[in-house]
Amino acid sequence: MSVYDIPLRTLSGDPISLADYRDQAVLVVNVASKCGLTPQYAGLERLQKEYGEKGFTVLGVPCNQFLGQEPGSAEEIQTFCSTSYGVTFPLLEKTDVNGEERHPLYAELTKVADSEGESGDVQWNFEKFLVGKDGRITRFRPRTEPEAPEVVAAIEAQLTA
C-alpha cells in the first residue's frame, strides 16, 4: 500500500489522505504540546509560511505515546497550536506512531531509514518524514530542527524537482 492510499482524519474528524497532497512535498511530523521540543512548532509554521504557496505543507500528527505529552482533546490541541504558535498547517487526529496500535501511515513511514541508516520506531515527538512529490520519503530525527539546513535543502529539492 502506498502512503497516498492510507485513509487519515483531520483533528476535526474529516476524512483526508496524502493523495490530497500528491503534487506537493509534505512534512509529516508527530507533535505534542507538552514536550521540550514543542517550540519546534514555530519552525514548522515558518516553513509552512515560506513554502506553502510553492507546493509544500506541514502535516502535524498529535501523539500521546511519549510520556503523555499530548494529553489534550482535539479542541484543546487546536486551541494550543493556534494561540501559542499561530499554526496554520493541517493537524490530524491524535495517532499512535509506534506499537500494536501504530497507524498504517506510520507503519509505512517507519520502514524508511534516517541518514544513519536506522529505520524502525519513532524515537520521540517531532520526528519528521518528508514525503516528496515523487513519493520518496526522507526521515529526520526529533532533535533535527525544522529549519535545519538538511531539512530545508530536502524541501527545496522537492519543490524544484
Protein backbone atom coordinates (compact mmCIF):
# COMPACT_ATOMS: atom_id res chain seq x y z
CA MET A 1 0.00 0.00 0.00
CA SER A 2 1.24 3.47 -0.88
CA VAL A 3 1.25 6.21 1.76
CA TYR A 4 -1.11 8.05 -0.60
CA ASP A 5 -3.78 5.35 -0.20
CA ILE A 6 -3.95 5.34 3.60
CA PRO A 7 -7.09 6.95 5.00
CA LEU A 8 -6.49 9.66 7.59
CA ARG A 9 -8.67 12.00 9.62
CA THR A 10 -8.15 15.66 10.43
CA LEU A 11 -8.20 16.86 14.01
CA SER A 12 -11.85 17.79 13.47
CA GLY A 13 -12.65 14.26 12.21
CA ASP A 14 -12.91 14.94 8.50
CA PRO A 15 -11.51 12.31 6.09
CA ILE A 16 -8.26 13.18 4.34
CA SER A 17 -5.33 11.34 2.77
CA LEU A 18 -1.87 12.16 1.47
CA ALA A 19 -3.38 11.76 -2.01
CA ASP A 20 -4.86 15.22 -1.38
CA TYR A 21 -1.25 16.47 -1.42
CA ARG A 22 0.13 14.17 -4.14
CA ASP A 23 1.71 17.01 -6.16
CA GLN A 24 3.26 18.61 -3.09
CA ALA A 25 6.08 17.96 -0.68
CA VAL A 26 4.60 17.06 2.74
CA LEU A 27 6.49 17.13 6.03
CA VAL A 28 4.69 14.69 8.34
CA VAL A 29 5.58 15.39 11.99
CA ASN A 30 4.31 13.73 15.17
CA VAL A 31 3.69 16.66 17.51
CA ALA A 32 2.99 17.22 21.21
CA SER A 33 2.04 20.25 23.27
CA LYS A 34 3.91 19.48 26.48
CA CYS A 35 7.32 18.38 25.22
CA GLY A 36 10.72 20.01 25.46
CA LEU A 37 10.71 20.01 21.65
CA THR A 38 7.30 21.76 21.41
CA PRO A 39 8.97 25.06 20.38
CA GLN A 40 9.66 23.33 17.05
CA TYR A 41 6.07 24.30 16.20
CA ALA A 42 7.43 27.79 15.49
CA GLY A 43 9.92 26.48 12.92
CA LEU A 44 7.30 24.24 11.36
CA GLU A 45 4.97 27.21 10.95
CA ARG A 46 7.76 29.31 9.42
CA LEU A 47 8.36 26.51 6.88
CA GLN A 48 4.63 26.48 6.13
CA LYS A 49 4.60 30.22 5.56
CA GLU A 50 7.81 30.20 3.49
CA TYR A 51 6.98 27.27 1.20
CA GLY A 52 3.20 26.78 1.49
CA GLU A 53 2.39 28.59 -1.73
CA LYS A 54 5.19 26.78 -3.55
CA GLY A 55 3.72 23.27 -3.22
CA PHE A 56 4.60 22.31 0.35
CA THR A 57 2.71 21.62 3.56
CA VAL A 58 3.45 20.52 7.06
CA LEU A 59 1.07 17.86 8.36
CA GLY A 60 1.03 17.70 12.17
CA VAL A 61 0.14 14.39 13.82
CA PRO A 62 -0.58 14.76 17.54
CA CYS A 63 0.67 11.77 19.51
CA ASN A 64 0.41 10.98 23.23
CA GLN A 65 2.76 7.98 23.28
CA PHE A 66 5.83 9.72 24.68
CA LEU A 67 5.36 10.33 28.42
CA GLY A 68 1.78 11.50 27.84
CA GLN A 69 2.98 14.81 26.38
CA GLU A 70 -0.13 15.31 24.22
CA PRO A 71 -2.99 14.69 26.66
CA GLY A 72 -5.45 17.22 25.26
CA SER A 73 -8.69 16.77 23.37
CA ALA A 74 -8.87 17.70 19.70
CA GLU A 75 -10.25 21.11 20.62
CA GLU A 76 -7.53 21.70 23.24
CA ILE A 77 -4.81 20.70 20.77
CA GLN A 78 -6.19 23.02 18.08
CA THR A 79 -6.51 25.92 20.52
CA PHE A 80 -2.99 25.40 21.87
CA CYS A 81 -1.46 25.22 18.39
CA SER A 82 -3.25 28.27 17.03
CA THR A 83 -2.90 30.52 20.10
CA SER A 84 0.63 29.53 21.16
CA TYR A 85 2.29 29.15 17.75
CA GLY A 86 -0.15 30.52 15.17
CA VAL A 87 -0.27 27.14 13.45
CA THR A 88 -1.98 27.27 10.07
CA PHE A 89 -0.90 23.86 8.72
CA PRO A 90 -3.29 20.89 8.92
CA LEU A 91 -3.40 18.72 12.02
CA LEU A 92 -4.55 15.11 12.04
CA GLU A 93 -6.40 13.31 14.79
CA LYS A 94 -4.34 12.02 17.71
CA THR A 95 -2.49 8.95 16.47
CA ASP A 96 -0.25 6.15 17.71
CA VAL A 97 3.05 6.13 15.82
CA ASN A 98 4.56 3.04 17.49
CA GLY A 99 3.37 -0.26 18.96
CA GLU A 100 0.46 -2.57 18.28
CA GLU A 101 -1.93 0.31 17.58
CA ARG A 102 0.52 2.07 15.21
CA HIS A 103 -1.39 3.89 12.49
CA PRO A 104 -0.93 2.37 9.00
CA LEU A 105 0.67 5.65 7.85
CA TYR A 106 3.41 5.22 10.44
CA ALA A 107 3.73 1.52 9.63
CA GLU A 108 4.88 2.69 6.19
CA LEU A 109 6.86 5.76 7.24
CA THR A 110 8.91 3.91 9.87
CA LYS A 111 10.21 1.49 7.23
CA VAL A 112 12.34 4.38 5.95
CA ALA A 113 15.85 4.72 7.33
CA ASP A 114 17.28 8.00 8.59
CA SER A 115 20.60 9.47 7.45
CA GLU A 116 22.44 6.98 9.67
CA GLY A 117 20.68 4.01 8.09
CA GLU A 118 18.34 3.33 11.02
CA SER A 119 14.66 2.58 10.45
CA GLY A 120 12.03 1.38 12.90
CA ASP A 121 10.12 3.06 15.68
CA VAL A 122 9.71 6.79 16.00
CA GLN A 123 12.18 7.87 18.69
CA TRP A 124 10.24 10.78 20.21
CA ASN A 125 7.92 13.69 19.48
CA PHE A 126 8.74 15.82 16.43
CA GLU A 127 10.25 13.10 14.25
CA LYS A 128 9.91 14.30 10.66
CA PHE A 129 9.19 12.46 7.41
CA LEU A 130 9.35 14.41 4.17
CA VAL A 131 7.13 12.78 1.55
CA GLY A 132 8.35 14.17 -1.73
CA LYS A 133 6.33 14.97 -4.83
CA ASP A 134 7.98 11.87 -6.28
CA GLY A 135 6.68 9.74 -3.37
CA ARG A 136 10.14 9.20 -1.89
CA ILE A 137 10.42 9.63 1.86
CA THR A 138 13.26 11.26 3.78
CA ARG A 139 13.45 10.85 7.56
CA PHE A 140 14.73 13.35 10.11
CA ARG A 141 15.01 12.53 13.81
CA PRO A 142 13.29 14.59 16.54
CA ARG A 143 16.22 16.79 17.53
CA THR A 144 16.72 17.92 13.94
CA GLU A 145 15.19 21.39 13.91
CA PRO A 146 12.55 22.02 11.23
CA GLU A 147 14.69 24.76 9.68
CA ALA A 148 17.95 22.78 9.81
CA PRO A 149 19.92 23.10 6.57
CA GLU A 150 19.37 19.44 5.65
CA VAL A 151 15.58 19.73 6.07
CA VAL A 152 15.36 22.97 4.10
CA ALA A 153 17.60 21.55 1.35
CA ALA A 154 15.41 18.44 1.07
CA ILE A 155 12.23 20.56 0.87
CA GLU A 156 13.72 22.90 -1.72
CA ALA A 157 14.99 19.97 -3.80
CA GLN A 158 11.44 18.60 -3.92
CA LEU A 159 9.95 21.95 -4.86
CA THR A 160 12.33 22.40 -7.78
CA ALA A 161 12.07 18.78 -8.99
